[in-house]
PDB file of N, CA and C in Angstrom:
ATOM      1  N   UNK A   1      26.480 -11.334   2.420  1.00  0.00           N
ATOM      2  CA  UNK A   1      25.451 -12.268   2.832  1.00  0.00           C
ATOM      3  C   UNK A   1      26.074 -13.362   3.698  1.00  0.00           C
ATOM      4  N   UNK A   2      25.472 -13.625   4.848  1.00  0.00           N
ATOM      5  CA  UNK A   2      25.947 -14.689   5.721  1.00  0.00           C
ATOM      6  C   UNK A   2      25.367 -16.019   5.265  1.00  0.00           C
ATOM      7  N   UNK A   3      26.219 -17.046   5.145  1.00  0.00           N
ATOM      8  CA  UNK A   3      25.669 -18.347   4.761  1.00  0.00           C
ATOM      9  C   UNK A   3      24.793 -18.909   5.875  1.00  0.00           C
ATOM     10  N   UNK A   4      23.752 -19.611   5.502  1.00  0.00           N
ATOM     11  CA  UNK A   4      22.831 -20.223   6.455  1.00  0.00           C
ATOM     12  C   UNK A   4      23.485 -21.459   7.061  1.00  0.00           C
ATOM     13  N   UNK A   5      23.387 -21.581   8.378  1.00  0.00           N
ATOM     14  CA  UNK A   5      23.916 -22.759   9.064  1.00  0.00           C
ATOM     15  C   UNK A   5      23.082 -23.970   8.666  1.00  0.00           C
ATOM     16  N   UNK A   6      23.699 -24.982   8.060  1.00  0.00           N
ATOM     17  CA  UNK A   6      22.910 -26.135   7.601  1.00  0.00           C
ATOM     18  C   UNK A   6      22.482 -27.014   8.773  1.00  0.00           C
ATOM     19  N   UNK A   7      21.232 -27.440   8.762  1.00  0.00           N
ATOM     20  CA  UNK A   7      20.743 -28.341   9.800  1.00  0.00           C
ATOM     21  C   UNK A   7      20.242 -29.665   9.218  1.00  0.00           C
ATOM     22  N   UNK A   8      20.092 -29.709   7.892  1.00  0.00           N
ATOM     23  CA  UNK A   8      19.639 -30.929   7.234  1.00  0.00           C
ATOM     24  C   UNK A   8      20.611 -31.320   6.132  1.00  0.00           C
ATOM     25  N   UNK A   9      20.776 -32.622   5.966  1.00  0.00           N
ATOM     26  CA  UNK A   9      21.619 -33.145   4.900  1.00  0.00           C
ATOM     27  C   UNK A   9      21.026 -32.734   3.549  1.00  0.00           C
ATOM     28  N   UNK A  10      21.840 -32.155   2.656  1.00  0.00           N
ATOM     29  CA  UNK A  10      21.308 -31.760   1.358  1.00  0.00           C
ATOM     30  C   UNK A  10      20.960 -32.957   0.473  1.00  0.00           C
ATOM     31  N   UNK A  11      21.454 -34.130   0.835  1.00  0.00           N
ATOM     32  CA  UNK A  11      21.221 -35.317   0.040  1.00  0.00           C
ATOM     33  C   UNK A  11      19.948 -36.063   0.457  1.00  0.00           C
ATOM     34  N   UNK A  12      19.852 -36.376   1.770  1.00  0.00           N
ATOM     35  CA  UNK A  12      18.716 -37.187   2.236  1.00  0.00           C
ATOM     36  C   UNK A  12      17.784 -36.454   3.189  1.00  0.00           C
ATOM     37  N   UNK A  13      18.126 -35.214   3.545  1.00  0.00           N
ATOM     38  CA  UNK A  13      17.336 -34.348   4.413  1.00  0.00           C
ATOM     39  C   UNK A  13      17.274 -34.815   5.873  1.00  0.00           C
ATOM     40  N   UNK A  14      18.134 -35.760   6.275  1.00  0.00           N
ATOM     41  CA  UNK A  14      18.216 -36.162   7.672  1.00  0.00           C
ATOM     42  C   UNK A  14      18.924 -35.054   8.462  1.00  0.00           C
ATOM     43  N   UNK A  15      18.764 -35.043   9.781  1.00  0.00           N
ATOM     44  CA  UNK A  15      19.376 -34.020  10.624  1.00  0.00           C
ATOM     45  C   UNK A  15      20.884 -34.224  10.697  1.00  0.00           C
ATOM     46  N   UNK A  16      21.623 -33.128  10.525  1.00  0.00           N
ATOM     47  CA  UNK A  16      23.074 -33.177  10.620  1.00  0.00           C
ATOM     48  C   UNK A  16      23.518 -33.166  12.080  1.00  0.00           C
ATOM     49  N   UNK A  17      24.734 -33.629  12.342  1.00  0.00           N
ATOM     50  CA  UNK A  17      25.337 -33.538  13.666  1.00  0.00           C
ATOM     51  C   UNK A  17      26.636 -32.753  13.544  1.00  0.00           C
ATOM     52  N   UNK A  18      27.050 -32.175  14.644  1.00  0.00           N
ATOM     53  CA  UNK A  18      28.305 -31.429  14.692  1.00  0.00           C
ATOM     54  C   UNK A  18      29.408 -32.420  15.051  1.00  0.00           C
ATOM     55  N   UNK A  19      30.511 -32.397  14.284  1.00  0.00           N
ATOM     56  CA  UNK A  19      31.611 -33.315  14.573  1.00  0.00           C
ATOM     57  C   UNK A  19      32.900 -32.609  14.960  1.00  0.00           C
ATOM     58  N   UNK A  20      32.955 -31.294  14.750  1.00  0.00           N
ATOM     59  CA  UNK A  20      34.176 -30.586  15.126  1.00  0.00           C
ATOM     60  C   UNK A  20      33.880 -29.123  15.435  1.00  0.00           C
ATOM     61  N   UNK A  21      34.523 -28.637  16.503  1.00  0.00           N
ATOM     62  CA  UNK A  21      34.444 -27.227  16.884  1.00  0.00           C
ATOM     63  C   UNK A  21      35.865 -26.704  17.004  1.00  0.00           C
ATOM     64  N   UNK A  22      36.067 -25.427  16.670  1.00  0.00           N
ATOM     65  CA  UNK A  22      37.409 -24.848  16.695  1.00  0.00           C
ATOM     66  C   UNK A  22      37.361 -23.457  17.295  1.00  0.00           C
ATOM     67  N   UNK A  23      38.327 -23.163  18.167  1.00  0.00           N
ATOM     68  CA  UNK A  23      38.472 -21.823  18.734  1.00  0.00           C
ATOM     69  C   UNK A  23      39.372 -21.015  17.800  1.00  0.00           C
ATOM     70  N   UNK A  24      38.855 -19.906  17.274  1.00  0.00           N
ATOM     71  CA  UNK A  24      39.646 -19.060  16.379  1.00  0.00           C
ATOM     72  C   UNK A  24      40.773 -18.337  17.118  1.00  0.00           C
ATOM     73  N   UNK A  25      40.629 -18.174  18.419  1.00  0.00           N
ATOM     74  CA  UNK A  25      41.628 -17.461  19.206  1.00  0.00           C
ATOM     75  C   UNK A  25      42.895 -18.300  19.420  1.00  0.00           C
ATOM     76  N   UNK A  26      42.742 -19.537  19.897  1.00  0.00           N
ATOM     77  CA  UNK A  26      43.914 -20.345  20.241  1.00  0.00           C
ATOM     78  C   UNK A  26      44.074 -21.598  19.390  1.00  0.00           C
ATOM     79  N   UNK A  27      43.186 -21.798  18.425  1.00  0.00           N
ATOM     80  CA  UNK A  27      43.190 -22.945  17.511  1.00  0.00           C
ATOM     81  C   UNK A  27      42.918 -24.291  18.175  1.00  0.00           C
ATOM     82  N   UNK A  28      42.376 -24.285  19.389  1.00  0.00           N
ATOM     83  CA  UNK A  28      41.972 -25.541  20.015  1.00  0.00           C
ATOM     84  C   UNK A  28      40.841 -26.140  19.194  1.00  0.00           C
ATOM     85  N   UNK A  29      40.903 -27.445  18.954  1.00  0.00           N
ATOM     86  CA  UNK A  29      39.868 -28.138  18.200  1.00  0.00           C
ATOM     87  C   UNK A  29      39.290 -29.261  19.050  1.00  0.00           C
ATOM     88  N   UNK A  30      37.990 -29.398  18.993  1.00  0.00           N
ATOM     89  CA  UNK A  30      37.294 -30.448  19.723  1.00  0.00           C
ATOM     90  C   UNK A  30      36.549 -31.285  18.700  1.00  0.00           C
ATOM     91  N   UNK A  31      36.796 -32.581  18.734  1.00  0.00           N
ATOM     92  CA  UNK A  31      36.120 -33.487  17.807  1.00  0.00           C
ATOM     93  C   UNK A  31      35.240 -34.452  18.581  1.00  0.00           C
ATOM     94  N   UNK A  32      34.167 -34.863  17.972  1.00  0.00           N
ATOM     95  CA  UNK A  32      33.232 -35.799  18.571  1.00  0.00           C
ATOM     96  C   UNK A  32      31.974 -35.814  17.727  1.00  0.00           C
ATOM     97  N   UNK A  33      30.913 -36.322  18.282  1.00  0.00           N
ATOM     98  CA  UNK A  33      29.643 -36.308  17.569  1.00  0.00           C
ATOM     99  C   UNK A  33      28.604 -35.737  18.514  1.00  0.00           C
ATOM    100  N   UNK A  34      28.117 -34.541  18.193  1.00  0.00           N
ATOM    101  CA  UNK A  34      27.198 -33.816  19.049  1.00  0.00           C
ATOM    102  C   UNK A  34      25.936 -33.474  18.267  1.00  0.00           C
ATOM    103  N   UNK A  35      24.790 -33.648  18.921  1.00  0.00           N
ATOM    104  CA  UNK A  35      23.549 -33.264  18.255  1.00  0.00           C
ATOM    105  C   UNK A  35      23.363 -31.757  18.373  1.00  0.00           C
ATOM    106  N   UNK A  36      22.596 -31.208  17.461  1.00  0.00           N
ATOM    107  CA  UNK A  36      22.322 -29.780  17.481  1.00  0.00           C
ATOM    108  C   UNK A  36      21.374 -29.453  18.632  1.00  0.00           C
ATOM    109  N   UNK A  37      21.500 -28.264  19.222  1.00  0.00           N
ATOM    110  CA  UNK A  37      20.511 -27.842  20.218  1.00  0.00           C
ATOM    111  C   UNK A  37      19.122 -27.760  19.575  1.00  0.00           C
ATOM    112  N   UNK A  38      18.101 -27.941  20.384  1.00  0.00           N
ATOM    113  CA  UNK A  38      16.722 -27.969  19.872  1.00  0.00           C
ATOM    114  C   UNK A  38      16.393 -26.745  19.022  1.00  0.00           C
ATOM    115  N   UNK A  39      16.780 -25.551  19.483  1.00  0.00           N
ATOM    116  CA  UNK A  39      16.412 -24.347  18.729  1.00  0.00           C
ATOM    117  C   UNK A  39      17.059 -24.308  17.351  1.00  0.00           C
ATOM    118  N   UNK A  40      18.236 -24.912  17.195  1.00  0.00           N
ATOM    119  CA  UNK A  40      18.866 -24.955  15.873  1.00  0.00           C
ATOM    120  C   UNK A  40      18.211 -25.982  14.953  1.00  0.00           C
ATOM    121  N   UNK A  41      17.447 -26.891  15.526  1.00  0.00           N
ATOM    122  CA  UNK A  41      16.746 -27.882  14.717  1.00  0.00           C
ATOM    123  C   UNK A  41      15.464 -27.309  14.104  1.00  0.00           C
ATOM    124  N   UNK A  42      15.061 -26.143  14.572  1.00  0.00           N
ATOM    125  CA  UNK A  42      13.867 -25.495  14.020  1.00  0.00           C
ATOM    126  C   UNK A  42      14.194 -24.808  12.701  1.00  0.00           C
ATOM    127  N   UNK A  43      13.173 -24.578  11.897  1.00  0.00           N
ATOM    128  CA  UNK A  43      13.370 -23.882  10.628  1.00  0.00           C
ATOM    129  C   UNK A  43      13.800 -22.443  10.891  1.00  0.00           C
ATOM    130  N   UNK A  44      14.377 -21.825   9.877  1.00  0.00           N
ATOM    131  CA  UNK A  44      14.795 -20.419   9.987  1.00  0.00           C
ATOM    132  C   UNK A  44      13.598 -19.539  10.338  1.00  0.00           C
ATOM    133  N   UNK A  45      12.457 -19.827   9.748  1.00  0.00           N
ATOM    134  CA  UNK A  45      11.233 -19.066  10.025  1.00  0.00           C
ATOM    135  C   UNK A  45      10.834 -19.176  11.504  1.00  0.00           C
ATOM    136  N   UNK A  46      10.913 -20.390  12.054  1.00  0.00           N
ATOM    137  CA  UNK A  46      10.578 -20.593  13.464  1.00  0.00           C
ATOM    138  C   UNK A  46      11.577 -19.882  14.378  1.00  0.00           C
ATOM    139  N   UNK A  47      12.851 -19.934  14.017  1.00  0.00           N
ATOM    140  CA  UNK A  47      13.874 -19.240  14.808  1.00  0.00           C
ATOM    141  C   UNK A  47      13.632 -17.732  14.790  1.00  0.00           C
ATOM    142  N   UNK A  48      13.266 -17.193  13.627  1.00  0.00           N
ATOM    143  CA  UNK A  48      12.986 -15.759  13.513  1.00  0.00           C
ATOM    144  C   UNK A  48      11.755 -15.374  14.332  1.00  0.00           C
ATOM    145  N   UNK A  49      10.761 -16.265  14.379  1.00  0.00           N
ATOM    146  CA  UNK A  49       9.575 -16.010  15.191  1.00  0.00           C
ATOM    147  C   UNK A  49       9.960 -15.923  16.667  1.00  0.00           C
ATOM    148  N   UNK A  50      10.782 -16.845  17.135  1.00  0.00           N
ATOM    149  CA  UNK A  50      11.213 -16.840  18.533  1.00  0.00           C
ATOM    150  C   UNK A  50      11.972 -15.560  18.851  1.00  0.00           C
ATOM    151  N   UNK A  51      12.858 -15.150  17.964  1.00  0.00           N
ATOM    152  CA  UNK A  51      13.612 -13.913  18.173  1.00  0.00           C
ATOM    153  C   UNK A  51      12.668 -12.710  18.235  1.00  0.00           C
ATOM    154  N   UNK A  52      11.722 -12.640  17.313  1.00  0.00           N
ATOM    155  CA  UNK A  52      10.755 -11.541  17.313  1.00  0.00           C
ATOM    156  C   UNK A  52       9.916 -11.560  18.589  1.00  0.00           C
ATOM    157  N   UNK A  53       9.544 -12.745  19.048  1.00  0.00           N
ATOM    158  CA  UNK A  53       8.770 -12.905  20.280  1.00  0.00           C
ATOM    159  C   UNK A  53       9.543 -12.343  21.475  1.00  0.00           C
ATOM    160  N   UNK A  54      10.819 -12.677  21.556  1.00  0.00           N
ATOM    161  CA  UNK A  54      11.648 -12.158  22.647  1.00  0.00           C
ATOM    162  C   UNK A  54      11.808 -10.647  22.555  1.00  0.00           C
ATOM    163  N   UNK A  55      12.060 -10.144  21.357  1.00  0.00           N
ATOM    164  CA  UNK A  55      12.245  -8.703  21.179  1.00  0.00           C
ATOM    165  C   UNK A  55      10.962  -7.913  21.446  1.00  0.00           C
ATOM    166  N   UNK A  56       9.817  -8.584  21.312  1.00  0.00           N
ATOM    167  CA  UNK A  56       8.528  -7.951  21.615  1.00  0.00           C
ATOM    168  C   UNK A  56       8.140  -8.199  23.076  1.00  0.00           C
ATOM    169  N   UNK A  57       9.114  -8.608  23.890  1.00  0.00           N
ATOM    170  CA  UNK A  57       8.886  -8.898  25.317  1.00  0.00           C
ATOM    171  C   UNK A  57       7.790  -9.935  25.527  1.00  0.00           C
ATOM    172  N   UNK A  58       7.674 -10.873  24.610  1.00  0.00           N
ATOM    173  CA  UNK A  58       6.687 -11.937  24.742  1.00  0.00           C
ATOM    174  C   UNK A  58       5.259 -11.505  24.459  1.00  0.00           C
ATOM    175  N   UNK A  59       5.095 -10.373  23.807  1.00  0.00           N
ATOM    176  CA  UNK A  59       3.746  -9.864  23.524  1.00  0.00           C
ATOM    177  C   UNK A  59       3.294 -10.295  22.131  1.00  0.00           C
ATOM    178  N   UNK A  60       2.383 -11.259  22.089  1.00  0.00           N
ATOM    179  CA  UNK A  60       1.826 -11.671  20.798  1.00  0.00           C
ATOM    180  C   UNK A  60       0.998 -10.551  20.185  1.00  0.00           C
ATOM    181  N   UNK A  61       0.379  -9.751  21.031  1.00  0.00           N
ATOM    182  CA  UNK A  61      -0.405  -8.614  20.544  1.00  0.00           C
ATOM    183  C   UNK A  61       0.504  -7.647  19.787  1.00  0.00           C
ATOM    184  N   UNK A  62       1.688  -7.364  20.345  1.00  0.00           N
ATOM    185  CA  UNK A  62       2.640  -6.460  19.691  1.00  0.00           C
ATOM    186  C   UNK A  62       3.174  -7.079  18.404  1.00  0.00           C
ATOM    187  N   UNK A  63       3.460  -8.376  18.427  1.00  0.00           N
ATOM    188  CA  UNK A  63       3.948  -9.052  17.215  1.00  0.00           C
ATOM    189  C   UNK A  63       2.895  -9.014  16.108  1.00  0.00           C
ATOM    190  N   UNK A  64       1.644  -9.271  16.469  1.00  0.00           N
ATOM    191  CA  UNK A  64       0.558  -9.253  15.485  1.00  0.00           C
ATOM    192  C   UNK A  64       0.451  -7.873  14.843  1.00  0.00           C
ATOM    193  N   UNK A  65       0.595  -6.860  15.679  1.00  0.00           N
ATOM    194  CA  UNK A  65       0.533  -5.480  15.176  1.00  0.00           C
ATOM    195  C   UNK A  65       1.685  -5.213  14.208  1.00  0.00           C
ATOM    196  N   UNK A  66       2.899  -5.604  14.590  1.00  0.00           N
ATOM    197  CA  UNK A  66       4.079  -5.368  13.750  1.00  0.00           C
ATOM    198  C   UNK A  66       4.008  -6.146  12.440  1.00  0.00           C
ATOM    199  N   UNK A  67       3.495  -7.370  12.481  1.00  0.00           N
ATOM    200  CA  UNK A  67       3.454  -8.222  11.294  1.00  0.00           C
ATOM    201  C   UNK A  67       2.162  -8.065  10.508  1.00  0.00           C
ATOM    202  N   UNK A  68       1.264  -7.221  11.026  1.00  0.00           N
ATOM    203  CA  UNK A  68      -0.010  -6.932  10.359  1.00  0.00           C
ATOM    204  C   UNK A  68      -0.841  -8.196  10.115  1.00  0.00           C
ATOM    205  N   UNK A  69      -0.915  -9.014  11.170  1.00  0.00           N
ATOM    206  CA  UNK A  69      -1.782 -10.197  11.160  1.00  0.00           C
ATOM    207  C   UNK A  69      -2.612 -10.161  12.436  1.00  0.00           C
ATOM    208  N   UNK A  70      -3.584 -11.038  12.514  1.00  0.00           N
ATOM    209  CA  UNK A  70      -4.454 -11.047  13.690  1.00  0.00           C
ATOM    210  C   UNK A  70      -3.759 -11.724  14.879  1.00  0.00           C
ATOM    211  N   UNK A  71      -4.234 -11.376  16.064  1.00  0.00           N
ATOM    212  CA  UNK A  71      -3.717 -12.015  17.279  1.00  0.00           C
ATOM    213  C   UNK A  71      -3.921 -13.534  17.228  1.00  0.00           C
ATOM    214  N   UNK A  72      -5.117 -14.032  16.818  1.00  0.00           N
ATOM    215  CA  UNK A  72      -5.294 -15.495  16.754  1.00  0.00           C
ATOM    216  C   UNK A  72      -4.290 -16.173  15.812  1.00  0.00           C
ATOM    217  N   UNK A  73      -3.906 -15.488  14.727  1.00  0.00           N
ATOM    218  CA  UNK A  73      -2.899 -16.046  13.822  1.00  0.00           C
ATOM    219  C   UNK A  73      -1.568 -16.226  14.556  1.00  0.00           C
ATOM    220  N   UNK A  74      -1.181 -15.208  15.324  1.00  0.00           N
ATOM    221  CA  UNK A  74       0.059 -15.283  16.114  1.00  0.00           C
ATOM    222  C   UNK A  74      -0.045 -16.381  17.164  1.00  0.00           C
ATOM    223  N   UNK A  75      -1.185 -16.459  17.828  1.00  0.00           N
ATOM    224  CA  UNK A  75      -1.389 -17.466  18.873  1.00  0.00           C
ATOM    225  C   UNK A  75      -1.293 -18.869  18.279  1.00  0.00           C
ATOM    226  N   UNK A  76      -1.912 -19.085  17.107  1.00  0.00           N
ATOM    227  CA  UNK A  76      -1.860 -20.397  16.446  1.00  0.00           C
ATOM    228  C   UNK A  76      -0.431 -20.758  16.064  1.00  0.00           C
ATOM    229  N   UNK A  77       0.315 -19.777  15.554  1.00  0.00           N
ATOM    230  CA  UNK A  77       1.704 -20.037  15.171  1.00  0.00           C
ATOM    231  C   UNK A  77       2.509 -20.442  16.406  1.00  0.00           C
ATOM    232  N   UNK A  78       2.309 -19.725  17.508  1.00  0.00           N
ATOM    233  CA  UNK A  78       3.022 -20.051  18.743  1.00  0.00           C
ATOM    234  C   UNK A  78       2.639 -21.441  19.244  1.00  0.00           C
ATOM    235  N   UNK A  79       1.368 -21.773  19.210  1.00  0.00           N
ATOM    236  CA  UNK A  79       0.915 -23.102  19.642  1.00  0.00           C
ATOM    237  C   UNK A  79       1.557 -24.199  18.798  1.00  0.00           C
ATOM    238  N   UNK A  80       1.618 -23.986  17.476  1.00  0.00           N
ATOM    239  CA  UNK A  80       2.258 -24.958  16.582  1.00  0.00           C
ATOM    240  C   UNK A  80       3.746 -25.094  16.905  1.00  0.00           C
ATOM    241  N   UNK A  81       4.390 -23.974  17.177  1.00  0.00           N
ATOM    242  CA  UNK A  81       5.810 -23.978  17.504  1.00  0.00           C
ATOM    243  C   UNK A  81       6.069 -24.703  18.823  1.00  0.00           C
ATOM    244  N   UNK A  82       5.206 -24.501  19.794  1.00  0.00           N
ATOM    245  CA  UNK A  82       5.334 -25.208  21.073  1.00  0.00           C
ATOM    246  C   UNK A  82       5.246 -26.713  20.842  1.00  0.00           C
ATOM    247  N   UNK A  83       4.327 -27.145  20.000  1.00  0.00           N
ATOM    248  CA  UNK A  83       4.184 -28.577  19.705  1.00  0.00           C
ATOM    249  C   UNK A  83       5.451 -29.117  19.035  1.00  0.00           C
ATOM    250  N   UNK A  84       6.025 -28.356  18.098  1.00  0.00           N
ATOM    251  CA  UNK A  84       7.265 -28.784  17.433  1.00  0.00           C
ATOM    252  C   UNK A  84       8.377 -28.954  18.453  1.00  0.00           C
ATOM    253  N   UNK A  85       8.512 -27.988  19.354  1.00  0.00           N
ATOM    254  CA  UNK A  85       9.580 -28.036  20.360  1.00  0.00           C
ATOM    255  C   UNK A  85       9.352 -29.196  21.324  1.00  0.00           C
ATOM    256  N   UNK A  86       8.118 -29.438  21.727  1.00  0.00           N
ATOM    257  CA  UNK A  86       7.826 -30.562  22.599  1.00  0.00           C
ATOM    258  C   UNK A  86       8.172 -31.886  21.935  1.00  0.00           C
ATOM    259  N   UNK A  87       7.881 -32.009  20.634  1.00  0.00           N
ATOM    260  CA  UNK A  87       8.207 -33.243  19.909  1.00  0.00           C
ATOM    261  C   UNK A  87       9.725 -33.421  19.818  1.00  0.00           C
ATOM    262  N   UNK A  88      10.444 -32.352  19.476  1.00  0.00           N
ATOM    263  CA  UNK A  88      11.908 -32.431  19.411  1.00  0.00           C
ATOM    264  C   UNK A  88      12.485 -32.808  20.767  1.00  0.00           C
ATOM    265  N   UNK A  89      11.938 -32.232  21.820  1.00  0.00           N
ATOM    266  CA  UNK A  89      12.410 -32.515  23.169  1.00  0.00           C
ATOM    267  C   UNK A  89      12.158 -33.974  23.539  1.00  0.00           C
ATOM    268  N   UNK A  90      10.973 -34.491  23.196  1.00  0.00           N
ATOM    269  CA  UNK A  90      10.636 -35.886  23.470  1.00  0.00           C
ATOM    270  C   UNK A  90      11.534 -36.834  22.670  1.00  0.00           C
ATOM    271  N   UNK A  91      11.845 -36.464  21.430  1.00  0.00           N
ATOM    272  CA  UNK A  91      12.718 -37.289  20.584  1.00  0.00           C
ATOM    273  C   UNK A  91      14.128 -37.389  21.151  1.00  0.00           C
ATOM    274  N   UNK A  92      14.565 -36.351  21.848  1.00  0.00           N
ATOM    275  CA  UNK A  92      15.919 -36.358  22.437  1.00  0.00           C
ATOM    276  C   UNK A  92      15.994 -37.213  23.688  1.00  0.00           C
ATOM    277  N   UNK A  93      14.865 -37.390  24.364  1.00  0.00           N
ATOM    278  CA  UNK A  93      14.867 -38.153  25.637  1.00  0.00           C
ATOM    279  C   UNK A  93      14.519 -39.582  25.456  1.00  0.00           C
TER     280      UNK A  93
END
């Protein structure tokens, strides 16, 4: 089982930041304080939806068929996800 990449503090639930990156090949380490990319700030469920959307070539009709839900359900989920991403994007600027 692969551990889930943490995006929220387990104590206060605030968003975590990256403070160190390391190259496994040459052991170069980079330290600093970097915010997570927008897509990593989304829930695992939202990330999985985006991946499924891409793998379905952007077809909500195909996704609805695969997930056995209605097209409007898929459309509503996508609309909600767009709003989340727009808010995250606005918060960064």
